Amino acid sequence: MKVVVIFEGRDAAGKGGAIKRITQTLNPRICKIVALGTPTGREKTQWYFQRYVAHLPAAGEMVLFDRSWYNRAGVEKVMGFCTNANEEYWEFLRSCPNFERMLIRSGIILIKYWFSVSEDEQERRFINRMNDPTKRWKLSPMDLKSMEKFVEYSKAKDEMFAYTDTKLSPWYAVDADDKKRARLNCIHHLLSLIPYEDLTPEPIELPKKKENKGYVRPPLEEMTYVPAIF
């Protein structure tokens, strides 16, 4: 089984928190998170989907995309990053359903979530991040600009859904104004779409310690320790 889960939505909608809750008890060798940064100069010359294809799962793997190829229909469209006027944008909307159809026909289970957050709640979360030094790194200049373009993002999302919300690969909207409920609802729904079995490991018994014979530990004073500040 090969699983790809896409998490899209507005900034501060709670995508990262949901991904963290899903993965925190899973084997990181099997369940992987992909959050790609700005494409390099070389990647910009590639087929648009190429850098995402490199991260698709093999058998027995699950990949969670924290933002995905849908950047082109969202931030790139709204912020004007698409070159050649709107040619790249419209080419994406035409190509995306076919690309996802190929993934599904290859045996990949493709699940797409859109985390929906209200304008007031997004503003509240931005203010919380601004006032918390441990969360301030989450705010980028692009995030702040997104508040000014709330309606533009809404229009882009509606158009994206019109082209890519297909019967074969539907979008699932998550009401994310309440983070805890959003995470629970998302996890419950995700499990309903994936055929799985109970793989709870059997109880384990520790083997008995062997008696150490002939081993003399070097003096502790020869070790370099981290200072015991606490």
Protein backbone atom coordinates (compact mmCIF):
# COMPACT_ATOMS: atom_id res chain seq x y z
CA MET A 1 0.00 0.00 0.00
CA LYS A 2 1.22 3.50 -0.91
CA VAL A 3 -0.43 6.56 0.61
CA VAL A 4 -0.10 10.27 -0.19
CA VAL A 5 -1.94 12.80 1.97
CA ILE A 6 -1.98 16.46 0.93
CA PHE A 7 -2.53 19.20 3.49
CA GLU A 8 -3.49 22.57 2.06
CA GLY A 9 -5.20 25.64 3.47
CA ARG A 10 -4.60 29.19 4.56
CA ASP A 11 -1.63 30.23 6.64
CA ALA A 12 -2.14 29.36 10.33
CA ALA A 13 -5.02 27.03 9.48
CA GLY A 14 -3.52 24.21 11.55
CA LYS A 15 -2.05 21.96 8.87
CA GLY A 16 1.26 21.48 10.67
CA GLY A 17 -0.41 20.64 13.98
CA ALA A 18 -2.58 17.98 12.35
CA ILE A 19 0.44 16.47 10.60
CA LYS A 20 2.36 16.39 13.89
CA ARG A 21 -0.48 14.55 15.66
CA ILE A 22 -0.72 11.99 12.85
CA THR A 23 3.00 11.23 12.73
CA GLN A 24 4.04 11.46 16.38
CA THR A 25 3.41 7.76 17.11
CA LEU A 26 4.36 6.41 13.69
CA ASN A 27 7.67 5.06 12.42
CA PRO A 28 9.44 7.98 10.65
CA ARG A 29 11.04 5.53 8.21
CA ILE A 30 7.57 4.59 6.98
CA CYS A 31 5.57 7.80 7.47
CA LYS A 32 7.42 10.80 6.05
CA ILE A 33 6.68 14.53 6.00
CA VAL A 34 7.52 16.55 2.89
CA ALA A 35 7.56 20.34 3.18
CA LEU A 36 9.47 21.71 0.21
CA GLY A 37 10.90 25.20 0.20
CA THR A 38 11.23 27.69 -2.62
CA PRO A 39 12.30 25.90 -5.82
CA THR A 40 15.91 26.33 -6.90
CA GLY A 41 16.89 27.85 -10.22
CA ARG A 42 17.31 24.34 -11.65
CA GLU A 43 13.96 23.16 -10.32
CA LYS A 44 12.24 26.14 -11.91
CA THR A 45 13.31 24.81 -15.31
CA GLN A 46 11.92 21.32 -14.64
CA TRP A 47 8.49 19.92 -15.35
CA TYR A 48 6.41 21.51 -12.59
CA PHE A 49 5.47 18.24 -10.87
CA GLN A 50 8.99 16.80 -11.08
CA ARG A 51 10.31 17.83 -7.68
CA TYR A 52 7.23 16.38 -5.99
CA VAL A 53 7.46 13.07 -7.85
CA ALA A 54 10.86 12.45 -6.22
CA HIS A 55 9.13 12.24 -2.82
CA LEU A 56 6.30 9.86 -3.72
CA PRO A 57 6.08 6.71 -1.57
CA ALA A 58 7.21 3.19 -2.30
CA ALA A 59 5.23 0.16 -1.15
CA GLY A 60 4.50 0.25 2.57
CA GLU A 61 5.16 3.99 2.88
CA MET A 62 3.01 7.02 3.64
CA VAL A 63 3.95 10.58 2.64
CA LEU A 64 2.30 13.67 4.11
CA PHE A 65 2.74 16.81 2.02
CA ASP A 66 2.70 19.98 4.12
CA ARG A 67 1.71 22.05 1.10
CA SER A 68 2.16 20.47 -2.28
CA TRP A 69 1.92 21.00 -6.02
CA TYR A 70 -1.16 23.09 -5.25
CA ASN A 71 1.15 25.99 -4.43
CA ARG A 72 0.74 26.96 -8.06
CA ALA A 73 -3.01 27.39 -7.69
CA GLY A 74 -2.68 29.25 -4.38
CA VAL A 75 0.25 31.38 -3.32
CA GLU A 76 1.87 31.51 -6.79
CA LYS A 77 -1.38 32.63 -8.37
CA VAL A 78 -2.30 35.20 -5.71
CA MET A 79 1.20 36.63 -5.28
CA GLY A 80 1.94 36.71 -8.99
CA PHE A 81 4.82 34.21 -8.98
CA CYS A 82 3.62 32.42 -12.11
CA THR A 83 5.58 33.57 -15.16
CA ASN A 84 4.28 34.01 -18.71
CA ALA A 85 1.21 35.89 -17.46
CA ASN A 86 -1.29 33.20 -16.39
CA GLU A 87 -0.11 30.51 -18.82
CA GLU A 88 1.59 28.40 -16.13
CA TYR A 89 -1.43 28.71 -13.88
CA TRP A 90 -3.95 27.51 -16.45
CA GLU A 91 -1.62 24.76 -17.61
CA PHE A 92 -1.47 23.54 -14.02
CA LEU A 93 -5.26 23.45 -13.66
CA ARG A 94 -5.53 21.48 -16.90
CA SER A 95 -2.70 19.06 -16.06
CA CYS A 96 -3.31 18.45 -12.35
CA PRO A 97 -6.35 16.12 -12.66
CA ASN A 98 -4.46 14.00 -15.21
CA PHE A 99 -1.36 13.90 -13.01
CA GLU A 100 -3.39 12.76 -10.01
CA ARG A 101 -5.20 10.21 -12.14
CA MET A 102 -1.83 8.70 -13.04
CA LEU A 103 -0.83 8.52 -9.39
CA ILE A 104 -4.05 6.74 -8.45
CA ARG A 105 -3.80 4.31 -11.38
CA SER A 106 -0.27 3.45 -10.23
CA GLY A 107 -1.70 2.20 -6.93
CA ILE A 108 -1.28 5.30 -4.74
CA ILE A 109 -4.06 6.20 -2.33
CA LEU A 110 -4.31 9.98 -2.74
CA ILE A 111 -6.15 11.99 -0.09
CA LYS A 112 -6.46 15.79 -0.19
CA TYR A 113 -7.42 17.94 2.81
CA TRP A 114 -8.21 21.65 2.80
CA PHE A 115 -8.02 23.25 6.26
CA SER A 116 -10.55 26.07 6.33
CA VAL A 117 -10.15 28.88 8.86
CA SER A 118 -12.15 32.08 9.21
CA GLU A 119 -10.63 35.51 8.72
CA ASP A 120 -11.07 36.44 12.39
CA GLU A 121 -9.51 33.20 13.62
CA GLN A 122 -6.56 33.54 11.26
CA GLU A 123 -5.94 37.06 12.56
CA ARG A 124 -6.12 35.84 16.16
CA ARG A 125 -3.54 33.13 15.46
CA PHE A 126 -1.24 35.58 13.70
CA ILE A 127 -1.37 37.91 16.70
CA ASN A 128 -0.64 34.96 19.00
CA ARG A 129 2.44 34.11 16.94
CA MET A 130 3.60 37.71 16.92
CA ASN A 131 3.38 37.90 20.72
CA ASP A 132 5.06 34.53 21.37
CA PRO A 133 8.84 34.56 20.65
CA THR A 134 8.84 30.75 20.38
CA LYS A 135 6.27 30.90 17.54
CA ARG A 136 7.38 34.08 15.81
CA TRP A 137 9.56 32.12 13.39
CA LYS A 138 6.35 30.75 11.87
CA LEU A 139 5.44 34.18 10.55
CA SER A 140 6.95 35.20 7.25
CA PRO A 141 6.44 38.39 5.24
CA MET A 142 4.36 36.26 2.88
CA ASP A 143 2.06 35.25 5.74
CA LEU A 144 1.41 38.86 6.63
CA LYS A 145 0.65 39.72 3.02
CA SER A 146 -1.85 36.87 2.90
CA MET A 147 -4.05 38.73 5.39
CA GLU A 148 -4.33 41.62 2.96
CA LYS A 149 -5.35 39.21 0.21
CA PHE A 150 -7.89 37.11 2.11
CA VAL A 151 -10.55 37.51 -0.59
CA GLU A 152 -8.06 36.84 -3.40
CA TYR A 153 -7.06 33.58 -1.71
CA SER A 154 -10.74 32.67 -1.38
CA LYS A 155 -11.27 33.21 -5.10
CA ALA A 156 -8.16 31.19 -5.96
CA LYS A 157 -9.32 28.33 -3.72
CA ASP A 158 -12.78 28.32 -5.33
CA GLU A 159 -11.28 28.18 -8.82
CA MET A 160 -8.83 25.46 -7.77
CA PHE A 161 -11.68 23.35 -6.41
CA ALA A 162 -13.69 23.86 -9.60
CA TYR A 163 -10.92 22.20 -11.63
CA THR A 164 -9.39 19.68 -9.20
CA ASP A 165 -12.23 18.53 -6.94
CA THR A 166 -12.98 15.41 -8.98
CA LYS A 167 -14.86 12.21 -8.19
CA LEU A 168 -11.64 10.24 -8.50
CA SER A 169 -9.61 12.67 -6.37
CA PRO A 170 -11.93 14.80 -4.23
CA TRP A 171 -11.03 17.55 -1.80
CA TYR A 172 -12.07 17.09 1.83
CA ALA A 173 -12.62 20.36 3.69
CA VAL A 174 -11.77 20.46 7.41
CA ASP A 175 -13.41 23.12 9.60
CA ALA A 176 -10.26 24.28 11.39
CA ASP A 177 -11.42 27.15 13.61
CA ASP A 178 -11.18 24.71 16.54
CA LYS A 179 -7.74 23.10 16.27
CA LYS A 180 -8.40 20.10 18.51
CA ARG A 181 -11.64 19.15 16.79
CA ALA A 182 -10.05 19.68 13.39
CA ARG A 183 -7.21 17.29 14.21
CA LEU A 184 -9.51 14.62 15.60
CA ASN A 185 -11.94 14.89 12.69
CA CYS A 186 -9.09 14.72 10.18
CA ILE A 187 -7.49 11.67 11.80
CA HIS A 188 -10.86 9.88 12.09
CA HIS A 189 -11.65 10.58 8.44
CA LEU A 190 -8.17 9.57 7.27
CA LEU A 191 -8.48 6.21 8.99
CA SER A 192 -11.86 5.65 7.35
CA LEU A 193 -10.26 5.95 3.90
CA ILE A 194 -7.30 3.63 4.42
CA PRO A 195 -7.74 -0.15 4.77
CA TYR A 196 -5.68 -1.09 7.80
CA GLU A 197 -5.31 -3.88 10.33
CA ASP A 198 -4.53 -3.81 14.02
CA LEU A 199 -0.75 -4.02 14.12
CA THR A 200 -0.30 -3.41 17.83
CA PRO A 201 3.03 -5.07 18.68
CA GLU A 202 2.90 -8.14 20.88
CA PRO A 203 4.03 -7.72 24.51
CA ILE A 204 7.80 -7.90 24.86
CA GLU A 205 9.84 -9.46 27.62
CA LEU A 206 13.30 -8.17 28.31
CA PRO A 207 16.01 -10.84 28.26
CA LYS A 208 17.80 -11.53 31.51
CA LYS A 209 21.02 -9.63 31.97
CA LYS A 210 24.18 -11.63 31.58
CA GLU A 211 26.71 -11.53 34.34
CA ASN A 212 29.65 -9.39 33.34
CA LYS A 213 32.86 -11.29 33.68
CA GLY A 214 36.26 -9.76 33.21
CA TYR A 215 35.02 -6.26 32.28
CA VAL A 216 36.50 -3.31 34.12
CA ARG A 217 34.97 0.06 33.35
CA PRO A 218 37.43 2.90 32.73
CA PRO A 219 37.53 5.62 35.43
CA LEU A 220 34.61 8.04 35.12
CA GLU A 221 37.02 10.94 35.47
CA GLU A 222 38.37 10.15 31.99
CA MET A 223 34.99 10.91 30.41
CA THR A 224 34.07 14.38 29.17
CA TYR A 225 30.60 15.13 30.54
CA VAL A 226 28.05 17.78 29.69
CA PRO A 227 28.03 20.24 32.61
CA ALA A 228 25.31 19.35 35.15
CA ILE A 229 23.66 22.76 35.26
CA PHE A 230 20.27 21.38 36.32
